[in-house]
Amino acid sequence: MPANLTPMYYKAERDYRRAQTSAEQVDCLQRMLQLMPKHKGTDKLQADIKSRLSEARQNLKQQINAPKSGQTFRIPRQGAGRIVIIGGPNCGKSRILKELTRAEPEVAPFPFTTREPLPAMMEYEGVQIQLVDTPPITAGQLQPWLLNLVRTADGVLLVFNGSSDDAPEETLAVIQELESRKTRLTEIGGFDRNSFSIVNLASRLVVTHASDVDCQVRSQLLFESWVDHISPLDVELDEGQFASTLKQRCFELLKIIRVFTKSPGKPADMRLPLTIADTGTVEDLAVQIHEDVARNLKHARLWGHGDHDGQVVGREYHLRDGDVVELHC
């Protein structure tokens, strides 16, 4: 039996995966239970969510009573999505952040230059995307705060140094450290179908120093050990044209489209797009604006990919990148 989950439920589920604290997880799980249709098709999902809710409440109780210790970082979310840049030592993470944003991270030819996460905003065709540079991950070394930052990201760039003989082993160590903590780097993100505790992260492999004569050999060594490897993108950091390609790949990684809204009788502001999932509908757009708008939505008018300008469409109509939408409640 199909679950028939609503856009508001999927928004709560998306918020849950992004939640960075136990308190936020409890709030999202409670909303998911409230918004979920109650029938046979959702029995297993309800049981799973209730189990996760019980675990989150227990974690919250322990955190309240536990003494404060250890290093923590809390980075506010900004933009249409968050992409975390990870990798082994001296692979080029900070250089990528510098080239794609206005940030000025320390870039040096020796390892462990980055010691703390550094967020910055990347602009792509009117959409702001948050990139976060991180300290290198090595075998046996993955701080809880860094694991949480990665698990709650909307996407991941895994950076591989194509000029280093150590890169295959070091990059595999990053992958294995995450997998040992139920975090997988995959082509498509989302929770594992069988367990909410396992997170699949939409990821891309960025191979730096791709012009090195032995880069392909080193990449192949990694792929031999990493059977279900993610799509690689070869870049040469000293050639400026890589930035535009990588920006586009970051946007595509988020699986979103740009949609513009307008008020009746007024032109749309084409400088300020809203973003929704690339499978999103008119109703998803309304939820993005406000739940009351979605609840009271009667129809919409569409300019862009419809049969004609001003076409009247319903809430289930699937939108495409660049559409202009006028919502009527």
C-alpha atoms as a PDB file:
ATOM      1  CA  MET A   1       0.000   0.000   0.000  1.00  0.00           C
ATOM      2  CA  PRO A   2       1.489   3.431  -0.947  1.00  0.00           C
ATOM      3  CA  ALA A   3       2.319   5.783   1.912  1.00  0.00           C
ATOM      4  CA  ASN A   4       0.864   8.898   0.175  1.00  0.00           C
ATOM      5  CA  LEU A   5       3.113  11.223   2.172  1.00  0.00           C
ATOM      6  CA  THR A   6       2.469  14.949   1.779  1.00  0.00           C
ATOM      7  CA  PRO A   7       4.903  17.708   0.756  1.00  0.00           C
ATOM      8  CA  MET A   8       4.724  19.075   4.319  1.00  0.00           C
ATOM      9  CA  TYR A   9       5.800  15.660   5.644  1.00  0.00           C
ATOM     10  CA  TYR A  10       8.742  15.552   3.231  1.00  0.00           C
ATOM     11  CA  LYS A  11       9.749  19.047   4.339  1.00  0.00           C
ATOM     12  CA  ALA A  12       9.755  17.857   7.978  1.00  0.00           C
ATOM     13  CA  GLU A  13      11.812  14.808   6.985  1.00  0.00           C
ATOM     14  CA  ARG A  14      14.278  17.040   5.128  1.00  0.00           C
ATOM     15  CA  ASP A  15      14.542  19.272   8.204  1.00  0.00           C
ATOM     16  CA  TYR A  16      15.168  16.190  10.350  1.00  0.00           C
ATOM     17  CA  ARG A  17      18.104  15.085   8.217  1.00  0.00           C
ATOM     18  CA  ARG A  18      19.547  18.590   8.485  1.00  0.00           C
ATOM     19  CA  ALA A  19      18.964  18.843  12.256  1.00  0.00           C
ATOM     20  CA  GLN A  20      22.223  19.509  14.097  1.00  0.00           C
ATOM     21  CA  THR A  21      21.021  18.995  17.673  1.00  0.00           C
ATOM     22  CA  SER A  22      18.905  16.422  19.504  1.00  0.00           C
ATOM     23  CA  ALA A  23      16.341  19.123  20.329  1.00  0.00           C
ATOM     24  CA  GLU A  24      15.926  19.900  16.614  1.00  0.00           C
ATOM     25  CA  GLN A  25      15.620  16.177  15.845  1.00  0.00           C
ATOM     26  CA  VAL A  26      12.867  15.745  18.449  1.00  0.00           C
ATOM     27  CA  ASP A  27      10.921  18.667  16.992  1.00  0.00           C
ATOM     28  CA  CYS A  28      11.212  17.347  13.416  1.00  0.00           C
ATOM     29  CA  LEU A  29      10.275  13.767  14.339  1.00  0.00           C
ATOM     30  CA  GLN A  30       7.208  14.972  16.225  1.00  0.00           C
ATOM     31  CA  ARG A  31       6.109  16.959  13.161  1.00  0.00           C
ATOM     32  CA  MET A  32       6.704  13.940  10.911  1.00  0.00           C
ATOM     33  CA  LEU A  33       4.443  11.788  13.084  1.00  0.00           C
ATOM     34  CA  GLN A  34       1.798  14.488  13.159  1.00  0.00           C
ATOM     35  CA  LEU A  35       1.853  15.014   9.374  1.00  0.00           C
ATOM     36  CA  MET A  36       2.007  11.344   8.395  1.00  0.00           C
ATOM     37  CA  PRO A  37      -1.200   9.673   7.135  1.00  0.00           C
ATOM     38  CA  LYS A  38      -2.184   6.854   9.490  1.00  0.00           C
ATOM     39  CA  HIS A  39      -2.879   3.629   7.573  1.00  0.00           C
ATOM     40  CA  LYS A  40      -1.323   0.211   6.899  1.00  0.00           C
ATOM     41  CA  GLY A  41       1.065   1.627   4.325  1.00  0.00           C
ATOM     42  CA  THR A  42       2.825   3.737   6.958  1.00  0.00           C
ATOM     43  CA  ASP A  43       2.876   1.265   9.879  1.00  0.00           C
ATOM     44  CA  LYS A  44       6.573   0.386   9.479  1.00  0.00           C
ATOM     45  CA  LEU A  45       7.560   4.019   8.966  1.00  0.00           C
ATOM     46  CA  GLN A  46       5.595   5.105  12.050  1.00  0.00           C
ATOM     47  CA  ALA A  47       7.360   2.462  14.154  1.00  0.00           C
ATOM     48  CA  ASP A  48      10.758   3.567  12.845  1.00  0.00           C
ATOM     49  CA  ILE A  49      10.060   7.230  13.566  1.00  0.00           C
ATOM     50  CA  LYS A  50       8.795   6.464  17.070  1.00  0.00           C
ATOM     51  CA  SER A  51      11.983   4.504  17.731  1.00  0.00           C
ATOM     52  CA  ARG A  52      14.114   7.413  16.482  1.00  0.00           C
ATOM     53  CA  LEU A  53      12.061   9.847  18.556  1.00  0.00           C
ATOM     54  CA  SER A  54      12.640   7.808  21.700  1.00  0.00           C
ATOM     55  CA  GLU A  55      16.379   7.711  20.959  1.00  0.00           C
ATOM     56  CA  ALA A  56      16.517  11.462  20.260  1.00  0.00           C
ATOM     57  CA  ARG A  57      14.695  12.255  23.510  1.00  0.00           C
ATOM     58  CA  GLN A  58      17.128  10.036  25.434  1.00  0.00           C
ATOM     59  CA  ASN A  59      20.101  11.761  23.778  1.00  0.00           C
ATOM     60  CA  LEU A  60      18.613  15.159  24.606  1.00  0.00           C
ATOM     61  CA  LYS A  61      18.187  14.172  28.254  1.00  0.00           C
ATOM     62  CA  GLN A  62      21.793  12.957  28.451  1.00  0.00           C
ATOM     63  CA  GLN A  63      23.103  16.127  26.829  1.00  0.00           C
ATOM     64  CA  ILE A  64      21.199  18.330  29.281  1.00  0.00           C
ATOM     65  CA  ASN A  65      22.612  16.440  32.257  1.00  0.00           C
ATOM     66  CA  ALA A  66      26.133  15.889  30.901  1.00  0.00           C
ATOM     67  CA  PRO A  67      28.998  18.305  31.688  1.00  0.00           C
ATOM     68  CA  LYS A  68      30.073  20.455  28.741  1.00  0.00           C
ATOM     69  CA  SER A  69      33.294  19.145  27.226  1.00  0.00           C
ATOM     70  CA  GLY A  70      35.070  18.780  23.908  1.00  0.00           C
ATOM     71  CA  GLN A  71      35.224  21.040  20.886  1.00  0.00           C
ATOM     72  CA  THR A  72      32.022  21.995  19.111  1.00  0.00           C
ATOM     73  CA  PHE A  73      31.149  24.188  16.133  1.00  0.00           C
ATOM     74  CA  ARG A  74      27.694  25.369  15.151  1.00  0.00           C
ATOM     75  CA  ILE A  75      27.443  26.969  11.720  1.00  0.00           C
ATOM     76  CA  PRO A  76      24.112  28.630  10.835  1.00  0.00           C
ATOM     77  CA  ARG A  77      22.625  27.443   7.566  1.00  0.00           C
ATOM     78  CA  GLN A  78      22.464  29.939   4.721  1.00  0.00           C
ATOM     79  CA  GLY A  79      21.427  29.834   1.093  1.00  0.00           C
ATOM     80  CA  ALA A  80      19.684  27.148  -0.938  1.00  0.00           C
ATOM     81  CA  GLY A  81      21.766  24.323   0.481  1.00  0.00           C
ATOM     82  CA  ARG A  82      24.963  23.365   2.290  1.00  0.00           C
ATOM     83  CA  ILE A  83      27.823  21.484   0.645  1.00  0.00           C
ATOM     84  CA  VAL A  84      30.662  20.290   2.861  1.00  0.00           C
ATOM     85  CA  ILE A  85      34.148  19.872   1.385  1.00  0.00           C
ATOM     86  CA  ILE A  86      36.031  16.903   2.849  1.00  0.00           C
ATOM     87  CA  GLY A  87      39.178  14.918   2.132  1.00  0.00           C
ATOM     88  CA  GLY A  88      42.526  13.746   3.400  1.00  0.00           C
ATOM     89  CA  PRO A  89      45.518  15.965   4.207  1.00  0.00           C
ATOM     90  CA  ASN A  90      46.726  18.483   1.615  1.00  0.00           C
ATOM     91  CA  CYS A  91      44.225  17.491  -1.085  1.00  0.00           C
ATOM     92  CA  GLY A  92      43.150  21.008  -2.150  1.00  0.00           C
ATOM     93  CA  LYS A  93      39.946  21.602  -0.151  1.00  0.00           C
ATOM     94  CA  SER A  94      40.838  25.147   0.911  1.00  0.00           C
ATOM     95  CA  ARG A  95      41.955  26.090  -2.592  1.00  0.00           C
ATOM     96  CA  ILE A  96      38.577  25.001  -3.953  1.00  0.00           C
ATOM     97  CA  LEU A  97      36.767  27.142  -1.361  1.00  0.00           C
ATOM     98  CA  LYS A  98      38.956  30.120  -2.254  1.00  0.00           C
ATOM     99  CA  GLU A  99      38.316  29.778  -5.989  1.00  0.00           C
ATOM    100  CA  LEU A 100      34.542  29.311  -5.702  1.00  0.00           C
ATOM    101  CA  THR A 101      33.808  31.982  -3.063  1.00  0.00           C
ATOM    102  CA  ARG A 102      35.164  35.246  -1.699  1.00  0.00           C
ATOM    103  CA  ALA A 103      36.666  33.527   1.315  1.00  0.00           C
ATOM    104  CA  GLU A 104      40.393  33.778   1.987  1.00  0.00           C
ATOM    105  CA  PRO A 105      41.344  30.515   3.715  1.00  0.00           C
ATOM    106  CA  GLU A 106      44.983  29.787   4.421  1.00  0.00           C
ATOM    107  CA  VAL A 107      46.336  27.754   1.503  1.00  0.00           C
ATOM    108  CA  ALA A 108      49.719  26.101   2.008  1.00  0.00           C
ATOM    109  CA  PRO A 109      51.687  23.187   0.486  1.00  0.00           C
ATOM    110  CA  PHE A 110      51.773  21.319   3.782  1.00  0.00           C
ATOM    111  CA  PRO A 111      49.057  19.195   5.473  1.00  0.00           C
ATOM    112  CA  PHE A 112      46.682  20.161   8.310  1.00  0.00           C
ATOM    113  CA  THR A 113      46.574  23.871   7.409  1.00  0.00           C
ATOM    114  CA  THR A 114      42.801  23.876   8.053  1.00  0.00           C
ATOM    115  CA  ARG A 115      42.019  23.300  11.737  1.00  0.00           C
ATOM    116  CA  GLU A 116      38.458  24.616  11.981  1.00  0.00           C
ATOM    117  CA  PRO A 117      35.457  24.602   9.616  1.00  0.00           C
ATOM    118  CA  LEU A 118      35.232  27.669   7.404  1.00  0.00           C
ATOM    119  CA  PRO A 119      31.877  28.529   5.737  1.00  0.00           C
ATOM    120  CA  ALA A 120      31.534  30.794   2.703  1.00  0.00           C
ATOM    121  CA  MET A 121      28.851  31.582   0.141  1.00  0.00           C
ATOM    122  CA  MET A 122      29.060  30.600  -3.520  1.00  0.00           C
ATOM    123  CA  GLU A 123      26.794  32.280  -6.093  1.00  0.00           C
ATOM    124  CA  TYR A 124      25.498  30.356  -9.102  1.00  0.00           C
ATOM    125  CA  GLU A 125      23.024  32.046 -11.469  1.00  0.00           C
ATOM    126  CA  GLY A 126      21.290  33.968  -8.690  1.00  0.00           C
ATOM    127  CA  VAL A 127      21.331  31.084  -6.186  1.00  0.00           C
ATOM    128  CA  GLN A 128      23.435  31.308  -3.029  1.00  0.00           C
ATOM    129  CA  ILE A 129      24.958  28.001  -1.876  1.00  0.00           C
ATOM    130  CA  GLN A 130      26.885  27.547   1.364  1.00  0.00           C
ATOM    131  CA  LEU A 131      30.236  25.757   1.101  1.00  0.00           C
ATOM    132  CA  VAL A 132      32.104  24.624   4.225  1.00  0.00           C
ATOM    133  CA  ASP A 133      35.793  23.793   4.213  1.00  0.00           C
ATOM    134  CA  THR A 134      36.806  21.284   6.902  1.00  0.00           C
ATOM    135  CA  PRO A 135      39.935  19.895   8.568  1.00  0.00           C
ATOM    136  CA  PRO A 136      41.334  16.730   6.952  1.00  0.00           C
ATOM    137  CA  ILE A 137      39.897  13.374   7.962  1.00  0.00           C
ATOM    138  CA  THR A 138      42.433  10.624   8.671  1.00  0.00           C
ATOM    139  CA  ALA A 139      42.202   6.987   9.815  1.00  0.00           C
ATOM    140  CA  GLY A 140      40.911   6.822  13.368  1.00  0.00           C
ATOM    141  CA  GLN A 141      40.379  10.574  13.551  1.00  0.00           C
ATOM    142  CA  LEU A 142      36.853  11.895  13.016  1.00  0.00           C
ATOM    143  CA  GLN A 143      35.624  14.389  15.588  1.00  0.00           C
ATOM    144  CA  PRO A 144      31.918  14.123  16.549  1.00  0.00           C
ATOM    145  CA  TRP A 145      31.260  17.722  15.492  1.00  0.00           C
ATOM    146  CA  LEU A 146      32.729  17.048  12.040  1.00  0.00           C
ATOM    147  CA  LEU A 147      30.690  13.863  11.611  1.00  0.00           C
ATOM    148  CA  ASN A 148      27.545  15.816  12.519  1.00  0.00           C
ATOM    149  CA  LEU A 149      28.462  18.568  10.046  1.00  0.00           C
ATOM    150  CA  VAL A 150      28.893  16.042   7.241  1.00  0.00           C
ATOM    151  CA  ARG A 151      25.783  13.972   8.061  1.00  0.00           C
ATOM    152  CA  THR A 152      23.531  17.037   8.054  1.00  0.00           C
ATOM    153  CA  ALA A 153      24.895  18.460   4.786  1.00  0.00           C
ATOM    154  CA  ASP A 154      22.848  18.612   1.583  1.00  0.00           C
ATOM    155  CA  GLY A 155      25.845  17.503  -0.450  1.00  0.00           C
ATOM    156  CA  VAL A 156      29.518  16.587  -0.165  1.00  0.00           C
ATOM    157  CA  LEU A 157      32.593  17.253  -2.289  1.00  0.00           C
ATOM    158  CA  LEU A 158      35.190  14.555  -1.602  1.00  0.00           C
ATOM    159  CA  VAL A 159      38.556  15.914  -2.747  1.00  0.00           C
ATOM    160  CA  PHE A 160      41.265  13.595  -4.090  1.00  0.00           C
ATOM    161  CA  ASN A 161      44.824  14.812  -4.739  1.00  0.00           C
ATOM    162  CA  GLY A 162      45.709  13.409  -8.154  1.00  0.00           C
ATOM    163  CA  SER A 163      49.392  14.269  -7.728  1.00  0.00           C
ATOM    164  CA  SER A 164      49.926  12.345  -4.468  1.00  0.00           C
ATOM    165  CA  ASP A 165      50.874   8.677  -4.202  1.00  0.00           C
ATOM    166  CA  ASP A 166      49.244   8.694  -0.751  1.00  0.00           C
ATOM    167  CA  ALA A 167      45.881   9.914  -2.095  1.00  0.00           C
ATOM    168  CA  PRO A 168      44.239   6.496  -2.744  1.00  0.00           C
ATOM    169  CA  GLU A 169      44.945   5.263   0.792  1.00  0.00           C
ATOM    170  CA  GLU A 170      44.114   8.587   2.455  1.00  0.00           C
ATOM    171  CA  THR A 171      40.867   9.045   0.525  1.00  0.00           C
ATOM    172  CA  LEU A 172      39.784   5.478   1.217  1.00  0.00           C
ATOM    173  CA  ALA A 173      40.400   6.172   4.930  1.00  0.00           C
ATOM    174  CA  VAL A 174      37.960   9.109   4.731  1.00  0.00           C
ATOM    175  CA  ILE A 175      35.308   6.904   3.110  1.00  0.00           C
ATOM    176  CA  GLN A 176      35.777   4.110   5.635  1.00  0.00           C
ATOM    177  CA  GLU A 177      35.733   6.442   8.645  1.00  0.00           C
ATOM    178  CA  LEU A 178      32.347   7.761   7.516  1.00  0.00           C
ATOM    179  CA  GLU A 179      30.932   4.343   6.650  1.00  0.00           C
ATOM    180  CA  SER A 180      31.914   2.998  10.078  1.00  0.00           C
ATOM    181  CA  ARG A 181      29.608   5.688  11.461  1.00  0.00           C
ATOM    182  CA  LYS A 182      26.665   4.840   9.170  1.00  0.00           C
ATOM    183  CA  THR A 183      27.403   7.639   6.723  1.00  0.00           C
ATOM    184  CA  ARG A 184      27.766   6.741   3.043  1.00  0.00           C
ATOM    185  CA  LEU A 185      28.942   8.855   0.133  1.00  0.00           C
ATOM    186  CA  THR A 186      26.601   8.039  -2.763  1.00  0.00           C
ATOM    187  CA  GLU A 187      25.291   9.502  -6.012  1.00  0.00           C
ATOM    188  CA  ILE A 188      21.837  10.231  -4.537  1.00  0.00           C
ATOM    189  CA  GLY A 189      21.253  11.347  -0.957  1.00  0.00           C
ATOM    190  CA  GLY A 190      18.609  10.464   1.603  1.00  0.00           C
ATOM    191  CA  PHE A 191      17.961   8.024   4.389  1.00  0.00           C
ATOM    192  CA  ASP A 192      18.628   4.345   3.820  1.00  0.00           C
ATOM    193  CA  ARG A 193      15.373   2.551   2.979  1.00  0.00           C
ATOM    194  CA  ASN A 194      15.820   0.106   5.836  1.00  0.00           C
ATOM    195  CA  SER A 195      17.104   2.386   8.586  1.00  0.00           C
ATOM    196  CA  PHE A 196      16.857   6.058   9.508  1.00  0.00           C
ATOM    197  CA  SER A 197      20.214   5.730  11.284  1.00  0.00           C
ATOM    198  CA  ILE A 198      22.058   5.280   7.957  1.00  0.00           C
ATOM    199  CA  VAL A 199      22.485   8.457   5.915  1.00  0.00           C
ATOM    200  CA  ASN A 200      23.339   8.451   2.208  1.00  0.00           C
ATOM    201  CA  LEU A 201      24.992  11.717   1.198  1.00  0.00           C
ATOM    202  CA  ALA A 202      24.746  13.044  -2.353  1.00  0.00           C
ATOM    203  CA  SER A 203      28.426  13.406  -3.232  1.00  0.00           C
ATOM    204  CA  ARG A 204      30.901  14.086  -6.020  1.00  0.00           C
ATOM    205  CA  LEU A 205      34.569  13.162  -6.197  1.00  0.00           C
ATOM    206  CA  VAL A 206      36.744  16.145  -7.161  1.00  0.00           C
ATOM    207  CA  VAL A 207      40.143  15.047  -8.474  1.00  0.00           C
ATOM    208  CA  THR A 208      42.639  17.915  -8.175  1.00  0.00           C
ATOM    209  CA  HIS A 209      45.962  18.165 -10.069  1.00  0.00           C
ATOM    210  CA  ALA A 210      44.286  16.163 -12.809  1.00  0.00           C
ATOM    211  CA  SER A 211      47.048  16.988 -15.320  1.00  0.00           C
ATOM    212  CA  ASP A 212      49.601  14.999 -13.316  1.00  0.00           C
ATOM    213  CA  VAL A 213      50.950  12.201 -15.479  1.00  0.00           C
ATOM    214  CA  ASP A 214      49.998   9.489 -12.948  1.00  0.00           C
ATOM    215  CA  CYS A 215      46.648  10.959 -11.847  1.00  0.00           C
ATOM    216  CA  GLN A 216      44.536   8.338 -13.638  1.00  0.00           C
ATOM    217  CA  VAL A 217      46.601   5.508 -12.171  1.00  0.00           C
ATOM    218  CA  ARG A 218      46.067   6.845  -8.657  1.00  0.00           C
ATOM    219  CA  SER A 219      42.338   7.320  -9.266  1.00  0.00           C
ATOM    220  CA  GLN A 220      42.057   3.740 -10.512  1.00  0.00           C
ATOM    221  CA  LEU A 221      43.771   2.463  -7.354  1.00  0.00           C
ATOM    222  CA  LEU A 222      41.050   4.168  -5.317  1.00  0.00           C
ATOM    223  CA  PHE A 223      38.250   2.772  -7.486  1.00  0.00           C
ATOM    224  CA  GLU A 224      39.589  -0.778  -7.134  1.00  0.00           C
ATOM    225  CA  SER A 225      39.045  -0.575  -3.368  1.00  0.00           C
ATOM    226  CA  TRP A 226      35.913   1.591  -3.539  1.00  0.00           C
ATOM    227  CA  VAL A 227      33.601  -0.468  -5.736  1.00  0.00           C
ATOM    228  CA  ASP A 228      30.513   1.782  -5.567  1.00  0.00           C
ATOM    229  CA  HIS A 229      32.499   4.957  -6.164  1.00  0.00           C
ATOM    230  CA  ILE A 230      30.832   8.270  -6.978  1.00  0.00           C
ATOM    231  CA  SER A 231      31.248  10.219 -10.201  1.00  0.00           C
ATOM    232  CA  PRO A 232      34.665  11.902 -10.501  1.00  0.00           C
ATOM    233  CA  LEU A 233      35.297  15.391 -11.818  1.00  0.00           C
ATOM    234  CA  ASP A 234      38.887  16.077 -12.901  1.00  0.00           C
ATOM    235  CA  VAL A 235      40.057  19.646 -12.270  1.00  0.00           C
ATOM    236  CA  GLU A 236      43.324  21.525 -12.533  1.00  0.00           C
ATOM    237  CA  LEU A 237      43.441  24.159  -9.810  1.00  0.00           C
ATOM    238  CA  ASP A 238      45.882  26.366 -11.731  1.00  0.00           C
ATOM    239  CA  GLU A 239      43.480  26.675 -14.664  1.00  0.00           C
ATOM    240  CA  GLY A 240      40.706  29.194 -13.965  1.00  0.00           C
ATOM    241  CA  GLN A 241      37.992  27.606 -16.098  1.00  0.00           C
ATOM    242  CA  PHE A 242      37.457  24.763 -13.604  1.00  0.00           C
ATOM    243  CA  ALA A 243      35.564  27.099 -11.260  1.00  0.00           C
ATOM    244  CA  SER A 244      32.518  27.580 -13.516  1.00  0.00           C
ATOM    245  CA  THR A 245      32.223  23.830 -14.129  1.00  0.00           C
ATOM    246  CA  LEU A 246      32.521  23.008 -10.438  1.00  0.00           C
ATOM    247  CA  LYS A 247      29.921  25.649  -9.512  1.00  0.00           C
ATOM    248  CA  GLN A 248      27.491  24.037 -11.938  1.00  0.00           C
ATOM    249  CA  ARG A 249      28.223  20.585 -10.480  1.00  0.00           C
ATOM    250  CA  CYS A 250      27.545  21.905  -6.966  1.00  0.00           C
ATOM    251  CA  PHE A 251      24.170  23.257  -8.093  1.00  0.00           C
ATOM    252  CA  GLU A 252      23.324  19.960  -9.809  1.00  0.00           C
ATOM    253  CA  LEU A 253      24.414  18.031  -6.707  1.00  0.00           C
ATOM    254  CA  LEU A 254      21.668  19.709  -4.674  1.00  0.00           C
ATOM    255  CA  LYS A 255      18.968  18.444  -7.094  1.00  0.00           C
ATOM    256  CA  ILE A 256      17.106  21.754  -7.034  1.00  0.00           C
ATOM    257  CA  ILE A 257      15.503  24.106  -9.544  1.00  0.00           C
ATOM    258  CA  ARG A 258      15.033  27.877  -9.542  1.00  0.00           C
ATOM    259  CA  VAL A 259      11.457  29.179  -9.511  1.00  0.00           C
ATOM    260  CA  PHE A 260      10.359  32.815  -9.583  1.00  0.00           C
ATOM    261  CA  THR A 261       7.132  34.109  -8.051  1.00  0.00           C
ATOM    262  CA  LYS A 262       5.022  37.117  -8.926  1.00  0.00           C
ATOM    263  CA  SER A 263       1.987  38.949  -7.632  1.00  0.00           C
ATOM    264  CA  PRO A 264      -1.069  39.444  -9.910  1.00  0.00           C
ATOM    265  CA  GLY A 265      -0.546  42.356 -12.290  1.00  0.00           C
ATOM    266  CA  LYS A 266       3.108  42.783 -11.331  1.00  0.00           C
ATOM    267  CA  PRO A 267       6.311  41.534 -12.989  1.00  0.00           C
ATOM    268  CA  ALA A 268       8.401  38.835 -11.365  1.00  0.00           C
ATOM    269  CA  ASP A 269      11.684  39.779  -9.737  1.00  0.00           C
ATOM    270  CA  MET A 270      14.054  37.605 -11.756  1.00  0.00           C
ATOM    271  CA  ARG A 271      16.960  38.401  -9.455  1.00  0.00           C
ATOM    272  CA  LEU A 272      15.583  36.477  -6.480  1.00  0.00           C
ATOM    273  CA  PRO A 273      14.649  32.867  -7.272  1.00  0.00           C
ATOM    274  CA  LEU A 274      13.203  30.441  -4.773  1.00  0.00           C
ATOM    275  CA  THR A 275      14.576  26.911  -4.898  1.00  0.00           C
ATOM    276  CA  ILE A 276      12.692  23.630  -4.601  1.00  0.00           C
ATOM    277  CA  ALA A 277      13.543  19.997  -5.356  1.00  0.00           C
ATOM    278  CA  ASP A 278      13.915  19.212  -9.057  1.00  0.00           C
ATOM    279  CA  THR A 279      10.872  16.946  -8.729  1.00  0.00           C
ATOM    280  CA  GLY A 280       8.914  19.732  -7.024  1.00  0.00           C
ATOM    281  CA  THR A 281       5.320  20.762  -7.674  1.00  0.00           C
ATOM    282  CA  VAL A 282       3.301  23.944  -7.272  1.00  0.00           C
ATOM    283  CA  GLU A 283       2.322  22.670  -3.827  1.00  0.00           C
ATOM    284  CA  ASP A 284       5.999  22.202  -2.887  1.00  0.00           C
ATOM    285  CA  LEU A 285       6.613  25.815  -3.865  1.00  0.00           C
ATOM    286  CA  ALA A 286       3.682  26.924  -1.703  1.00  0.00           C
ATOM    287  CA  VAL A 287       5.050  24.926   1.264  1.00  0.00           C
ATOM    288  CA  GLN A 288       8.413  26.641   0.749  1.00  0.00           C
ATOM    289  CA  ILE A 289       6.706  30.021   1.147  1.00  0.00           C
ATOM    290  CA  HIS A 290       4.451  29.113   4.105  1.00  0.00           C
ATOM    291  CA  GLU A 291       2.329  26.177   5.226  1.00  0.00           C
ATOM    292  CA  ASP A 292      -0.780  28.404   5.290  1.00  0.00           C
ATOM    293  CA  VAL A 293      -0.228  29.276   1.627  1.00  0.00           C
ATOM    294  CA  ALA A 294      -0.032  25.559   0.795  1.00  0.00           C
ATOM    295  CA  ARG A 295      -3.131  24.780   2.855  1.00  0.00           C
ATOM    296  CA  ASN A 296      -5.250  27.498   1.186  1.00  0.00           C
ATOM    297  CA  LEU A 297      -3.861  27.165  -2.342  1.00  0.00           C
ATOM    298  CA  LYS A 298      -6.568  27.044  -5.034  1.00  0.00           C
ATOM    299  CA  HIS A 299      -4.537  27.162  -8.242  1.00  0.00           C
ATOM    300  CA  ALA A 300      -1.551  28.852  -9.858  1.00  0.00           C
ATOM    301  CA  ARG A 301      -0.737  30.591 -13.122  1.00  0.00           C
ATOM    302  CA  LEU A 302       2.434  29.639 -14.959  1.00  0.00           C
ATOM    303  CA  TRP A 303       4.874  31.382 -17.274  1.00  0.00           C
ATOM    304  CA  GLY A 304       7.780  29.416 -18.676  1.00  0.00           C
ATOM    305  CA  HIS A 305       7.380  25.769 -19.631  1.00  0.00           C
ATOM    306  CA  GLY A 306       3.577  25.606 -19.792  1.00  0.00           C
ATOM    307  CA  ASP A 307       1.472  25.288 -22.923  1.00  0.00           C
ATOM    308  CA  HIS A 308       1.023  29.074 -22.944  1.00  0.00           C
ATOM    309  CA  ASP A 309       1.873  32.075 -20.778  1.00  0.00           C
ATOM    310  CA  GLY A 310      -0.460  32.486 -17.836  1.00  0.00           C
ATOM    311  CA  GLN A 311      -1.619  28.865 -18.009  1.00  0.00           C
ATOM    312  CA  VAL A 312      -3.737  27.837 -14.992  1.00  0.00           C
ATOM    313  CA  VAL A 313      -2.274  24.784 -13.237  1.00  0.00           C
ATOM    314  CA  GLY A 314      -3.125  22.802 -10.117  1.00  0.00           C
ATOM    315  CA  ARG A 315      -1.100  22.081  -7.021  1.00  0.00           C
ATOM    316  CA  GLU A 316       0.233  18.779  -8.422  1.00  0.00           C
ATOM    317  CA  TYR A 317       1.769  20.403 -11.498  1.00  0.00           C
ATOM    318  CA  HIS A 318       5.514  19.676 -11.751  1.00  0.00           C
ATOM    319  CA  LEU A 319       7.616  22.808 -12.142  1.00  0.00           C
ATOM    320  CA  ARG A 320      10.809  23.216 -14.171  1.00  0.00           C
ATOM    321  CA  ASP A 321      13.888  25.368 -13.753  1.00  0.00           C
ATOM    322  CA  GLY A 322      13.174  28.998 -14.571  1.00  0.00           C
ATOM    323  CA  ASP A 323       9.375  28.861 -14.304  1.00  0.00           C
ATOM    324  CA  VAL A 324       7.500  31.955 -13.104  1.00  0.00           C
ATOM    325  CA  VAL A 325       4.544  31.149 -10.847  1.00  0.00           C
ATOM    326  CA  GLU A 326       1.639  33.245  -9.544  1.00  0.00           C
ATOM    327  CA  LEU A 327      -0.058  31.546  -6.572  1.00  0.00           C
ATOM    328  CA  HIS A 328      -3.764  32.057  -5.906  1.00  0.00           C
ATOM    329  CA  CYS A 329      -5.249  31.235  -2.482  1.00  0.00           C
END
